[in-house]
């Protein structure tokens, strides 16, 4: 199984504690994640082992992304394991306070690519849209803080 990484960052106009509260308010991610509805499926979302689900798409066209929280280090780090049928791999939210009212948010995804060379070809077709969607979502988050 091959993997591919996606890394993006955005400056958030807030302190690190407020940024952490915003990115770990799982149901509120639906407000800033492009065409995505997010909810807790198990646990409280504040402990390792909690499970999150996210449907990305329009109407019934899209995919379900299921995740398990694997690491929490408030207010600087959240790591998840993507466990779905369509999306598997690792995700990381890392926060670094730059100044009193500015925090850098680093978004990282390591995506597992199934189906050998066919999967890689599909990944190269969808990667630009995936990356653009995350980029747009991160900027929307920054505008809401």
N, C-alpha and C. Protein backbone atom coordinates (compact mmCIF):
# COMPACT_ATOMS: atom_id res chain seq x y z
N UNK A 1 0.86 -1.18 0.00
CA UNK A 1 0.00 0.00 0.00
C UNK A 1 0.89 1.23 0.00
N UNK A 2 0.68 2.11 -0.96
CA UNK A 2 1.43 3.36 -1.03
C UNK A 2 0.70 4.44 -0.24
N UNK A 3 1.47 5.42 0.22
CA UNK A 3 0.87 6.57 0.91
C UNK A 3 1.31 7.85 0.22
N UNK A 4 0.48 8.87 0.37
CA UNK A 4 0.80 10.21 -0.13
C UNK A 4 0.44 11.21 0.95
N UNK A 5 1.24 12.25 1.07
CA UNK A 5 1.06 13.26 2.11
C UNK A 5 0.46 14.53 1.54
N UNK A 6 -0.39 15.17 2.34
CA UNK A 6 -0.93 16.49 2.03
C UNK A 6 -0.66 17.35 3.25
N UNK A 7 0.02 18.49 3.04
CA UNK A 7 0.36 19.40 4.13
C UNK A 7 -0.09 20.80 3.74
N UNK A 8 -0.81 21.44 4.65
CA UNK A 8 -1.25 22.82 4.44
C UNK A 8 -1.14 23.56 5.77
N UNK A 9 -1.03 24.89 5.69
CA UNK A 9 -1.01 25.68 6.91
C UNK A 9 -1.75 26.97 6.70
N UNK A 10 -2.24 27.51 7.82
CA UNK A 10 -2.94 28.79 7.81
C UNK A 10 -2.64 29.48 9.14
N UNK A 11 -2.61 30.80 9.10
CA UNK A 11 -2.48 31.58 10.33
C UNK A 11 -3.87 31.89 10.84
N UNK A 12 -4.12 31.58 12.10
CA UNK A 12 -5.40 31.86 12.72
C UNK A 12 -5.27 33.10 13.60
N UNK A 13 -6.22 34.03 13.49
CA UNK A 13 -6.12 35.29 14.24
C UNK A 13 -6.64 35.16 15.67
N UNK A 14 -6.03 34.25 16.43
CA UNK A 14 -6.46 34.02 17.81
C UNK A 14 -5.34 33.34 18.58
N UNK A 15 -5.50 33.26 19.89
CA UNK A 15 -4.51 32.58 20.72
C UNK A 15 -4.65 31.06 20.55
N UNK A 16 -3.65 30.32 20.99
CA UNK A 16 -3.61 28.88 20.77
C UNK A 16 -4.74 28.14 21.49
N UNK A 17 -5.13 28.58 22.68
CA UNK A 17 -6.21 27.91 23.40
C UNK A 17 -7.54 28.03 22.65
N UNK A 18 -7.83 29.21 22.13
CA UNK A 18 -9.06 29.41 21.37
C UNK A 18 -9.01 28.64 20.05
N UNK A 19 -7.85 28.59 19.43
CA UNK A 19 -7.70 27.83 18.19
C UNK A 19 -7.94 26.34 18.44
N UNK A 20 -7.37 25.83 19.53
CA UNK A 20 -7.55 24.41 19.87
C UNK A 20 -9.03 24.12 20.13
N UNK A 21 -9.69 25.00 20.87
CA UNK A 21 -11.12 24.82 21.15
C UNK A 21 -11.92 24.79 19.83
N UNK A 22 -11.56 25.63 18.89
CA UNK A 22 -12.27 25.69 17.61
C UNK A 22 -12.06 24.42 16.78
N UNK A 23 -10.83 23.94 16.69
CA UNK A 23 -10.58 22.77 15.82
C UNK A 23 -11.04 21.47 16.43
N UNK A 24 -11.23 21.44 17.76
CA UNK A 24 -11.71 20.21 18.41
C UNK A 24 -13.19 20.27 18.76
N UNK A 25 -13.87 21.31 18.30
CA UNK A 25 -15.33 21.36 18.42
C UNK A 25 -15.85 20.64 17.17
N UNK A 26 -15.92 19.33 17.26
CA UNK A 26 -16.11 18.47 16.09
C UNK A 26 -17.37 18.83 15.31
N UNK A 27 -18.50 19.00 15.96
CA UNK A 27 -19.73 19.30 15.22
C UNK A 27 -19.68 20.67 14.56
N UNK A 28 -18.94 21.61 15.14
CA UNK A 28 -18.81 22.95 14.54
C UNK A 28 -17.87 22.94 13.32
N UNK A 29 -17.10 21.87 13.13
CA UNK A 29 -16.28 21.79 11.91
C UNK A 29 -17.16 21.84 10.67
N UNK A 30 -18.40 21.41 10.81
CA UNK A 30 -19.34 21.46 9.69
C UNK A 30 -19.53 22.88 9.18
N UNK A 31 -19.30 23.86 10.05
CA UNK A 31 -19.46 25.27 9.66
C UNK A 31 -18.34 25.76 8.75
N UNK A 32 -17.16 25.15 8.84
CA UNK A 32 -16.04 25.65 8.05
C UNK A 32 -15.43 24.64 7.08
N UNK A 33 -15.76 23.37 7.24
CA UNK A 33 -15.25 22.36 6.31
C UNK A 33 -16.15 22.32 5.07
N UNK A 34 -15.57 22.50 3.92
CA UNK A 34 -16.30 22.57 2.65
C UNK A 34 -17.13 21.31 2.41
N UNK A 35 -18.43 21.49 2.25
CA UNK A 35 -19.36 20.40 1.91
C UNK A 35 -19.22 19.18 2.82
N UNK A 36 -18.98 19.43 4.11
CA UNK A 36 -18.76 18.33 5.04
C UNK A 36 -19.61 18.52 6.29
N UNK A 37 -20.23 17.42 6.71
CA UNK A 37 -20.96 17.39 7.98
C UNK A 37 -20.19 16.48 8.92
N UNK A 38 -19.85 16.98 10.10
CA UNK A 38 -19.01 16.26 11.06
C UNK A 38 -19.81 16.03 12.35
N UNK A 39 -19.63 14.84 12.94
CA UNK A 39 -20.28 14.55 14.21
C UNK A 39 -19.47 13.51 14.99
N UNK A 40 -19.67 13.50 16.30
CA UNK A 40 -19.07 12.47 17.14
C UNK A 40 -19.89 11.20 17.00
N UNK A 41 -19.23 10.08 16.79
CA UNK A 41 -19.95 8.81 16.68
C UNK A 41 -19.74 7.94 17.92
N UNK A 42 -18.71 8.23 18.72
CA UNK A 42 -18.48 7.51 19.98
C UNK A 42 -17.53 8.33 20.85
N UNK A 43 -17.79 8.34 22.14
CA UNK A 43 -16.94 9.07 23.06
C UNK A 43 -17.32 10.54 23.14
N UNK A 44 -16.47 11.28 23.86
CA UNK A 44 -16.76 12.70 24.10
C UNK A 44 -15.97 13.65 23.20
N UNK A 45 -15.08 13.11 22.37
CA UNK A 45 -14.29 13.95 21.48
C UNK A 45 -13.12 14.62 22.15
N UNK A 46 -12.98 14.42 23.45
CA UNK A 46 -11.89 15.04 24.21
C UNK A 46 -10.94 14.01 24.80
N UNK A 47 -11.16 12.73 24.44
CA UNK A 47 -10.31 11.66 24.94
C UNK A 47 -9.87 10.75 23.79
N UNK A 48 -8.69 10.17 23.96
CA UNK A 48 -8.19 9.21 22.99
C UNK A 48 -9.17 8.05 22.91
N UNK A 49 -9.44 7.61 21.70
CA UNK A 49 -10.39 6.54 21.47
C UNK A 49 -11.75 7.03 21.03
N UNK A 50 -12.03 8.32 21.21
CA UNK A 50 -13.29 8.87 20.70
C UNK A 50 -13.31 8.72 19.18
N UNK A 51 -14.51 8.59 18.64
CA UNK A 51 -14.66 8.39 17.20
C UNK A 51 -15.45 9.53 16.59
N UNK A 52 -15.02 9.92 15.40
CA UNK A 52 -15.60 11.03 14.66
C UNK A 52 -16.01 10.51 13.29
N UNK A 53 -17.10 11.02 12.77
CA UNK A 53 -17.52 10.69 11.42
C UNK A 53 -17.73 12.00 10.66
N UNK A 54 -17.43 11.96 9.36
CA UNK A 54 -17.60 13.14 8.52
C UNK A 54 -18.08 12.68 7.15
N UNK A 55 -19.20 13.24 6.71
CA UNK A 55 -19.68 12.97 5.36
C UNK A 55 -19.34 14.17 4.49
N UNK A 56 -18.57 13.93 3.45
CA UNK A 56 -18.20 14.98 2.51
C UNK A 56 -18.88 14.70 1.19
N UNK A 57 -19.63 15.69 0.72
CA UNK A 57 -20.32 15.52 -0.54
C UNK A 57 -21.52 16.43 -0.62
N UNK A 58 -22.30 16.21 -1.65
CA UNK A 58 -23.52 16.98 -1.89
C UNK A 58 -24.66 15.99 -2.02
N UNK A 59 -25.72 16.24 -1.23
CA UNK A 59 -26.88 15.38 -1.14
C UNK A 59 -26.42 14.00 -0.72
N UNK A 60 -26.60 12.95 -1.56
CA UNK A 60 -26.15 11.61 -1.19
C UNK A 60 -24.88 11.20 -1.93
N UNK A 61 -24.35 12.12 -2.74
CA UNK A 61 -23.13 11.84 -3.49
C UNK A 61 -21.94 12.31 -2.67
N UNK A 62 -21.12 11.38 -2.24
CA UNK A 62 -19.96 11.73 -1.44
C UNK A 62 -19.43 10.49 -0.75
N UNK A 63 -18.70 10.70 0.34
CA UNK A 63 -18.16 9.55 1.07
C UNK A 63 -18.12 9.85 2.56
N UNK A 64 -18.17 8.77 3.33
CA UNK A 64 -18.11 8.85 4.77
C UNK A 64 -16.67 8.60 5.22
N UNK A 65 -16.14 9.52 6.01
CA UNK A 65 -14.80 9.40 6.57
C UNK A 65 -14.96 9.13 8.06
N UNK A 66 -14.55 7.96 8.51
CA UNK A 66 -14.60 7.64 9.94
C UNK A 66 -13.19 7.73 10.50
N UNK A 67 -13.10 8.24 11.73
CA UNK A 67 -11.79 8.47 12.36
C UNK A 67 -11.84 8.10 13.83
N UNK A 68 -10.69 7.71 14.35
CA UNK A 68 -10.50 7.49 15.78
C UNK A 68 -9.41 8.43 16.25
N UNK A 69 -9.66 9.14 17.35
CA UNK A 69 -8.63 10.00 17.93
C UNK A 69 -7.56 9.12 18.56
N UNK A 70 -6.31 9.31 18.13
CA UNK A 70 -5.21 8.48 18.63
C UNK A 70 -4.27 9.24 19.57
N UNK A 71 -4.30 10.58 19.51
CA UNK A 71 -3.43 11.36 20.39
C UNK A 71 -4.02 12.75 20.57
N UNK A 72 -3.98 13.21 21.81
CA UNK A 72 -4.40 14.57 22.14
C UNK A 72 -3.33 15.17 23.04
N UNK A 73 -2.86 16.36 22.69
CA UNK A 73 -1.90 17.10 23.52
C UNK A 73 -2.33 18.56 23.52
N UNK A 74 -3.40 18.86 24.29
CA UNK A 74 -3.92 20.24 24.31
C UNK A 74 -2.85 21.22 24.81
N UNK A 75 -2.76 22.39 24.26
CA UNK A 75 -3.56 22.92 23.16
C UNK A 75 -2.82 22.88 21.83
N UNK A 76 -1.97 21.89 21.62
CA UNK A 76 -1.09 21.96 20.45
C UNK A 76 -1.27 20.86 19.41
N UNK A 77 -1.90 19.74 19.76
CA UNK A 77 -1.86 18.61 18.82
C UNK A 77 -3.08 17.71 18.95
N UNK A 78 -3.59 17.28 17.79
CA UNK A 78 -4.61 16.25 17.69
C UNK A 78 -4.19 15.32 16.56
N UNK A 79 -4.20 14.01 16.82
CA UNK A 79 -3.92 13.04 15.77
C UNK A 79 -5.08 12.06 15.67
N UNK A 80 -5.41 11.69 14.44
CA UNK A 80 -6.50 10.74 14.19
C UNK A 80 -6.03 9.66 13.24
N UNK A 81 -6.73 8.54 13.29
CA UNK A 81 -6.54 7.46 12.33
C UNK A 81 -7.81 7.37 11.51
N UNK A 82 -7.68 7.53 10.19
CA UNK A 82 -8.82 7.39 9.28
C UNK A 82 -9.08 5.89 9.10
N UNK A 83 -10.31 5.46 9.37
CA UNK A 83 -10.63 4.03 9.39
C UNK A 83 -11.72 3.64 8.40
N UNK A 84 -12.06 4.52 7.49
CA UNK A 84 -13.18 4.28 6.59
C UNK A 84 -12.86 3.34 5.45
N UNK A 85 -13.89 3.06 4.65
CA UNK A 85 -13.74 2.20 3.48
C UNK A 85 -13.04 2.95 2.35
N UNK A 86 -13.35 4.26 2.22
CA UNK A 86 -12.78 5.05 1.13
C UNK A 86 -11.48 5.75 1.52
N UNK A 87 -11.39 6.17 2.77
CA UNK A 87 -10.24 6.95 3.21
C UNK A 87 -9.61 6.29 4.42
N UNK A 88 -8.33 5.94 4.25
CA UNK A 88 -7.55 5.37 5.34
C UNK A 88 -6.24 6.13 5.42
N UNK A 89 -5.70 6.18 6.62
CA UNK A 89 -4.43 6.86 6.81
C UNK A 89 -4.41 7.61 8.12
N UNK A 90 -3.55 8.60 8.21
CA UNK A 90 -3.37 9.36 9.44
C UNK A 90 -3.64 10.83 9.17
N UNK A 91 -4.13 11.52 10.20
CA UNK A 91 -4.32 12.95 10.12
C UNK A 91 -3.75 13.62 11.36
N UNK A 92 -3.29 14.86 11.20
CA UNK A 92 -2.72 15.58 12.33
C UNK A 92 -3.07 17.06 12.23
N UNK A 93 -3.52 17.63 13.35
CA UNK A 93 -3.71 19.06 13.51
C UNK A 93 -2.66 19.51 14.50
N UNK A 94 -1.77 20.39 14.08
CA UNK A 94 -0.74 20.91 14.97
C UNK A 94 -0.86 22.43 15.05
N UNK A 95 -0.83 22.96 16.26
CA UNK A 95 -0.94 24.40 16.49
C UNK A 95 0.34 24.92 17.12
N UNK A 96 0.77 26.09 16.66
CA UNK A 96 1.93 26.77 17.23
C UNK A 96 1.57 28.22 17.43
N UNK A 97 1.67 28.69 18.68
CA UNK A 97 1.37 30.10 18.95
C UNK A 97 2.52 30.95 18.42
N UNK A 98 2.18 31.92 17.58
CA UNK A 98 3.16 32.81 16.97
C UNK A 98 3.25 34.12 17.74
N UNK A 99 2.10 34.61 18.19
CA UNK A 99 2.03 35.82 19.01
C UNK A 99 0.77 35.72 19.87
N UNK A 100 0.49 36.73 20.64
CA UNK A 100 -0.66 36.69 21.54
C UNK A 100 -1.96 36.40 20.79
N UNK A 101 -2.11 36.96 19.60
CA UNK A 101 -3.34 36.79 18.83
C UNK A 101 -3.11 36.14 17.47
N UNK A 102 -2.15 35.27 17.39
CA UNK A 102 -1.89 34.60 16.12
C UNK A 102 -1.33 33.20 16.38
N UNK A 103 -1.98 32.21 15.76
CA UNK A 103 -1.58 30.81 15.91
C UNK A 103 -1.47 30.17 14.54
N UNK A 104 -0.39 29.45 14.32
CA UNK A 104 -0.22 28.72 13.06
C UNK A 104 -0.89 27.36 13.19
N UNK A 105 -1.72 27.03 12.20
CA UNK A 105 -2.42 25.75 12.16
C UNK A 105 -1.84 24.94 11.01
N UNK A 106 -1.16 23.84 11.32
CA UNK A 106 -0.61 22.94 10.31
C UNK A 106 -1.53 21.73 10.19
N UNK A 107 -2.03 21.49 8.99
CA UNK A 107 -2.91 20.37 8.69
C UNK A 107 -2.08 19.35 7.92
N UNK A 108 -2.11 18.10 8.37
CA UNK A 108 -1.34 17.05 7.72
C UNK A 108 -2.22 15.82 7.53
N UNK A 109 -2.18 15.25 6.35
CA UNK A 109 -2.86 13.98 6.07
C UNK A 109 -1.89 13.05 5.38
N UNK A 110 -1.82 11.82 5.83
CA UNK A 110 -1.09 10.76 5.12
C UNK A 110 -2.16 9.77 4.65
N UNK A 111 -2.40 9.76 3.36
CA UNK A 111 -3.49 8.99 2.77
C UNK A 111 -2.93 7.69 2.20
N UNK A 112 -3.58 6.57 2.53
CA UNK A 112 -3.21 5.28 1.95
C UNK A 112 -3.89 5.15 0.59
N UNK A 113 -3.12 4.79 -0.42
CA UNK A 113 -3.62 4.68 -1.79
C UNK A 113 -3.79 3.19 -2.13
N UNK A 114 -5.05 2.73 -2.27
CA UNK A 114 -5.27 1.32 -2.62
C UNK A 114 -5.20 1.09 -4.13
N UNK A 115 -5.27 -0.13 -4.54
CA UNK A 115 -5.41 -0.55 -5.94
C UNK A 115 -4.18 -0.27 -6.81
N UNK A 116 -2.99 -0.26 -6.22
CA UNK A 116 -1.76 -0.15 -6.99
C UNK A 116 -1.69 1.07 -7.88
N UNK A 117 -1.25 0.85 -9.13
CA UNK A 117 -1.06 1.97 -10.05
C UNK A 117 -2.37 2.65 -10.44
N UNK A 118 -3.46 1.90 -10.48
CA UNK A 118 -4.77 2.50 -10.77
C UNK A 118 -5.14 3.48 -9.66
N UNK A 119 -4.93 3.09 -8.41
CA UNK A 119 -5.20 3.98 -7.28
C UNK A 119 -4.35 5.24 -7.33
N UNK A 120 -3.08 5.09 -7.70
CA UNK A 120 -2.20 6.26 -7.82
C UNK A 120 -2.69 7.21 -8.91
N UNK A 121 -3.14 6.64 -10.02
CA UNK A 121 -3.65 7.49 -11.11
C UNK A 121 -4.89 8.26 -10.65
N UNK A 122 -5.78 7.59 -9.94
CA UNK A 122 -6.97 8.27 -9.43
C UNK A 122 -6.57 9.34 -8.42
N UNK A 123 -5.60 9.02 -7.54
CA UNK A 123 -5.15 10.01 -6.56
C UNK A 123 -4.63 11.26 -7.25
N UNK A 124 -3.85 11.12 -8.31
CA UNK A 124 -3.31 12.30 -9.00
C UNK A 124 -4.41 13.12 -9.66
N UNK A 125 -5.53 12.47 -9.98
CA UNK A 125 -6.67 13.21 -10.54
C UNK A 125 -7.45 13.97 -9.47
N UNK A 126 -7.62 13.36 -8.29
CA UNK A 126 -8.44 14.00 -7.26
C UNK A 126 -7.64 14.86 -6.28
N UNK A 127 -6.32 14.68 -6.23
CA UNK A 127 -5.50 15.41 -5.26
C UNK A 127 -5.66 16.93 -5.36
N UNK A 128 -5.64 17.52 -6.55
CA UNK A 128 -5.79 18.98 -6.61
C UNK A 128 -7.10 19.46 -5.99
N UNK A 129 -8.21 18.77 -6.26
CA UNK A 129 -9.49 19.16 -5.69
C UNK A 129 -9.52 18.97 -4.18
N UNK A 130 -8.95 17.87 -3.71
CA UNK A 130 -8.87 17.60 -2.27
C UNK A 130 -8.07 18.70 -1.57
N UNK A 131 -6.91 19.02 -2.12
CA UNK A 131 -6.04 20.03 -1.53
C UNK A 131 -6.71 21.40 -1.56
N UNK A 132 -7.33 21.74 -2.67
CA UNK A 132 -8.02 23.03 -2.78
C UNK A 132 -9.18 23.12 -1.77
N UNK A 133 -9.91 22.04 -1.59
CA UNK A 133 -11.01 22.02 -0.63
C UNK A 133 -10.52 22.24 0.80
N UNK A 134 -9.42 21.59 1.17
CA UNK A 134 -8.86 21.79 2.51
C UNK A 134 -8.34 23.21 2.65
N UNK A 135 -7.64 23.72 1.64
CA UNK A 135 -7.12 25.09 1.66
C UNK A 135 -8.26 26.09 1.88
N UNK A 136 -9.34 25.93 1.12
CA UNK A 136 -10.51 26.81 1.25
C UNK A 136 -11.09 26.72 2.67
N UNK A 137 -11.22 25.50 3.18
CA UNK A 137 -11.79 25.29 4.51
C UNK A 137 -10.95 25.94 5.60
N UNK A 138 -9.64 25.83 5.51
CA UNK A 138 -8.77 26.43 6.51
C UNK A 138 -8.89 27.95 6.49
N UNK A 139 -9.00 28.54 5.33
CA UNK A 139 -9.18 29.98 5.25
C UNK A 139 -10.54 30.40 5.79
N UNK A 140 -11.55 29.58 5.57
CA UNK A 140 -12.87 29.88 6.11
C UNK A 140 -12.82 29.82 7.64
N UNK A 141 -12.13 28.83 8.20
CA UNK A 141 -11.96 28.76 9.66
C UNK A 141 -11.30 30.03 10.16
N UNK A 142 -10.23 30.47 9.52
CA UNK A 142 -9.50 31.68 9.97
C UNK A 142 -10.44 32.90 9.99
N UNK A 143 -11.35 32.98 9.02
CA UNK A 143 -12.28 34.13 8.96
C UNK A 143 -13.33 34.09 10.05
N UNK A 144 -13.60 32.89 10.59
CA UNK A 144 -14.64 32.78 11.63
C UNK A 144 -14.11 33.05 13.02
N UNK A 145 -12.79 33.11 13.19
CA UNK A 145 -12.22 33.33 14.54
C UNK A 145 -11.99 34.80 14.84
